[in-house]
Amino acid sequence: MFSLLRENLAVPELPELCTKLTVEVLRAVCGPDKAGENEFCSVVLEAIAEVHDAIATEDSFVSARSELSDDSRSRTRSETPESEEEVPFDKEKAKAKVLREIMINMKCLHIAQCMLQNIEGNLQDNMHLVTMLNNLVVPAVRSHEAPIRERGLECLGLCCLLDKSLAEENMSLFIH
């Protein structure tokens, strides 16, 4: 059961409702004690890293393929300046890359949010949570993209429920 849940959680295409239910069942499987909670956090953060890596790897594979096709086109064509038709294509590729990065961050933040909703211990006592806060949540809160920032704020709020000093530090942010 544990392996199946762990594998499913690392599937980037898993719908949000299924992700939430998977995290909840995984939490129950890991056990209610502190060791179980630490294991749960560790497993979920590994899945977040896999989701991020899987999507980022697909992106780099696509860009490597497009670079190869660009090289072959440039060899078959004479040395002429780029036509105006190619410039919008580059803009479309850039826009697609930005959307893909947003998708990566939204999926990772959703998994983190589901995990945080199932934690009861102190944030500072769990190194996995501190790492997730610093490497995923704080950059999301500072993001220029509104959906990422909003989900990051939700995760930060859940982190604040686990640590009073963090809540006090971020009170003005939440008021703002």
Protein backbone atom coordinates (compact mmCIF):
# COMPACT_ATOMS: atom_id res chain seq x y z
CA MET A 1 0.00 0.00 0.00
CA PHE A 2 2.80 2.37 0.99
CA SER A 3 4.69 1.81 -2.28
CA LEU A 4 1.57 2.25 -4.38
CA LEU A 5 0.66 5.53 -2.68
CA ARG A 6 4.22 6.78 -2.99
CA GLU A 7 4.35 5.98 -6.71
CA ASN A 8 0.96 7.57 -7.39
CA LEU A 9 1.89 10.76 -5.57
CA ALA A 10 4.90 11.21 -7.88
CA VAL A 11 2.70 11.13 -11.01
CA PRO A 12 2.62 14.73 -12.34
CA GLU A 13 -0.73 14.22 -14.11
CA LEU A 14 -2.53 13.06 -10.95
CA PRO A 15 -5.62 15.28 -10.48
CA GLU A 16 -5.69 17.54 -7.41
CA LEU A 17 -8.50 15.64 -5.67
CA CYS A 18 -6.66 12.34 -6.12
CA THR A 19 -3.47 13.98 -4.86
CA LYS A 20 -5.27 15.17 -1.73
CA LEU A 21 -6.77 11.75 -1.05
CA THR A 22 -3.45 10.01 -1.71
CA VAL A 23 -1.68 12.27 0.79
CA GLU A 24 -4.37 11.67 3.40
CA VAL A 25 -4.17 7.88 3.04
CA LEU A 26 -0.36 7.99 3.01
CA ARG A 27 -0.49 9.92 6.29
CA ALA A 28 -2.64 7.22 7.84
CA VAL A 29 -0.35 4.47 6.55
CA CYS A 30 2.77 6.14 8.02
CA GLY A 31 1.30 6.12 11.51
CA PRO A 32 0.22 8.75 14.05
CA ASP A 33 3.46 9.08 16.03
CA LYS A 34 6.31 11.55 15.53
CA ALA A 35 8.45 9.03 13.62
CA GLY A 36 5.52 8.33 11.30
CA GLU A 37 5.03 12.05 10.71
CA ASN A 38 8.73 12.47 9.86
CA GLU A 39 8.57 9.53 7.46
CA PHE A 40 5.39 10.96 5.91
CA CYS A 41 7.06 14.34 5.34
CA SER A 42 10.15 12.71 3.88
CA VAL A 43 8.15 10.60 1.44
CA VAL A 44 5.95 13.50 0.32
CA LEU A 45 8.93 15.78 -0.23
CA GLU A 46 10.64 13.07 -2.29
CA ALA A 47 7.48 12.86 -4.41
CA ILE A 48 7.49 16.66 -4.83
CA ALA A 49 11.09 16.49 -6.02
CA GLU A 50 10.21 13.71 -8.47
CA VAL A 51 7.27 15.65 -9.87
CA HIS A 52 9.48 18.70 -10.31
CA ASP A 53 12.26 16.66 -11.93
CA ALA A 54 9.90 14.71 -14.19
CA ILE A 55 8.28 17.82 -15.60
CA ALA A 56 11.57 19.72 -15.83
CA THR A 57 13.19 16.74 -17.62
CA GLU A 58 10.36 16.66 -20.17
CA ASP A 59 10.89 20.37 -20.72
CA SER A 60 14.64 19.99 -21.28
CA PHE A 61 14.03 17.03 -23.61
CA VAL A 62 11.62 19.11 -25.69
CA SER A 63 14.03 22.05 -25.80
CA ALA A 64 16.93 19.75 -26.75
CA ARG A 65 14.83 18.29 -29.56
CA SER A 66 13.88 21.75 -30.80
CA GLU A 67 17.53 22.84 -30.69
CA LEU A 68 18.46 19.85 -32.83
CA SER A 69 15.74 20.68 -35.33
CA ASP A 70 16.87 24.32 -35.36
CA ASP A 71 20.45 23.21 -36.14
CA SER A 72 19.32 21.01 -39.00
CA ARG A 73 17.16 23.79 -40.44
CA SER A 74 20.03 26.25 -40.30
CA ARG A 75 22.33 23.80 -42.14
CA THR A 76 19.84 23.21 -44.93
CA ARG A 77 19.10 26.88 -45.39
CA SER A 78 21.43 29.44 -46.85
CA GLU A 79 22.86 32.15 -44.60
CA THR A 80 19.84 34.46 -44.56
CA PRO A 81 18.56 36.54 -41.67
CA GLU A 82 15.70 35.08 -39.65
CA SER A 83 12.35 35.64 -41.24
CA GLU A 84 9.69 37.51 -39.35
CA GLU A 85 7.64 34.31 -39.16
CA GLU A 86 10.17 32.64 -36.83
CA VAL A 87 10.11 35.40 -34.20
CA PRO A 88 6.50 34.69 -33.09
CA PHE A 89 7.42 31.00 -32.85
CA ASP A 90 10.19 31.88 -30.39
CA LYS A 91 7.74 34.00 -28.40
CA GLU A 92 5.32 31.07 -28.33
CA LYS A 93 8.07 28.75 -27.08
CA ALA A 94 8.98 31.24 -24.35
CA LYS A 95 5.32 31.60 -23.34
CA ALA A 96 4.91 27.82 -23.25
CA LYS A 97 8.01 27.51 -21.07
CA VAL A 98 6.68 30.08 -18.59
CA LEU A 99 3.31 28.28 -18.43
CA ARG A 100 5.09 24.98 -17.88
CA GLU A 101 7.11 26.46 -15.00
CA ILE A 102 3.89 27.77 -13.45
CA MET A 103 2.33 24.32 -13.82
CA ILE A 104 5.36 22.71 -12.12
CA ASN A 105 5.22 25.10 -9.19
CA MET A 106 1.45 24.86 -8.79
CA LYS A 107 1.56 21.05 -8.69
CA CYS A 108 4.46 20.98 -6.21
CA LEU A 109 2.78 23.58 -3.99
CA HIS A 110 -0.50 21.66 -4.07
CA ILE A 111 1.23 18.50 -2.86
CA ALA A 112 2.97 20.52 -0.12
CA GLN A 113 -0.35 22.10 0.86
CA CYS A 114 -1.99 18.68 1.16
CA MET A 115 0.93 17.49 3.29
CA LEU A 116 0.78 20.54 5.58
CA GLN A 117 -2.95 19.98 6.12
CA ASN A 118 -2.09 16.58 7.60
CA ILE A 119 0.72 17.61 9.98
CA GLU A 120 0.29 18.19 13.71
CA GLY A 121 3.86 18.49 15.06
CA ASN A 122 6.05 21.54 15.48
CA LEU A 123 7.58 22.90 12.28
CA GLN A 124 11.02 23.49 13.83
CA ASP A 125 11.20 19.89 15.09
CA ASN A 126 10.89 18.50 11.56
CA MET A 127 13.86 19.31 9.33
CA HIS A 128 11.95 18.19 6.23
CA LEU A 129 9.34 20.89 6.84
CA VAL A 130 11.94 23.59 7.42
CA THR A 131 13.65 22.63 4.15
CA MET A 132 10.33 22.68 2.29
CA LEU A 133 9.50 26.07 3.78
CA ASN A 134 12.82 27.57 2.66
CA ASN A 135 13.08 25.90 -0.76
CA LEU A 136 9.48 25.83 -1.96
CA VAL A 137 7.12 28.03 0.04
CA VAL A 138 9.22 31.19 0.54
CA PRO A 139 10.21 31.42 -3.17
CA ALA A 140 6.53 30.91 -4.09
CA VAL A 141 5.45 33.75 -1.80
CA ARG A 142 8.02 35.98 -3.51
CA SER A 143 6.91 34.95 -7.01
CA HIS A 144 5.67 37.50 -9.52
CA GLU A 145 3.00 35.07 -10.74
CA ALA A 146 -0.25 35.61 -8.82
CA PRO A 147 -1.46 31.96 -8.72
CA ILE A 148 1.90 30.76 -7.40
CA ARG A 149 2.03 33.56 -4.84
CA GLU A 150 -1.50 32.78 -3.63
CA ARG A 151 -0.80 29.06 -3.21
CA GLY A 152 2.51 29.92 -1.55
CA LEU A 153 0.66 32.15 0.93
CA GLU A 154 -1.75 29.30 1.71
CA CYS A 155 1.22 27.00 2.40
CA LEU A 156 2.91 29.68 4.50
CA GLY A 157 -0.29 30.07 6.52
CA LEU A 158 -0.36 26.32 7.16
CA CYS A 159 3.31 26.47 8.20
CA CYS A 160 2.46 29.32 10.58
CA LEU A 161 -0.13 27.08 12.25
CA LEU A 162 2.77 24.76 13.11
CA ASP A 163 5.14 27.46 14.44
CA LYS A 164 4.07 30.42 16.56
CA SER A 165 7.28 32.44 15.95
CA LEU A 166 6.88 32.04 12.17
CA ALA A 167 3.30 33.27 12.49
CA GLU A 168 4.41 36.31 14.45
CA GLU A 169 7.13 37.10 11.89
CA ASN A 170 4.66 36.96 9.01
CA MET A 171 1.67 38.68 10.60
CA SER A 172 2.22 41.91 8.64
CA LEU A 173 2.44 39.92 5.38
CA PHE A 174 -0.95 38.34 6.04
CA ILE A 175 -2.46 41.67 7.03
CA HIS A 176 -1.15 43.19 3.80
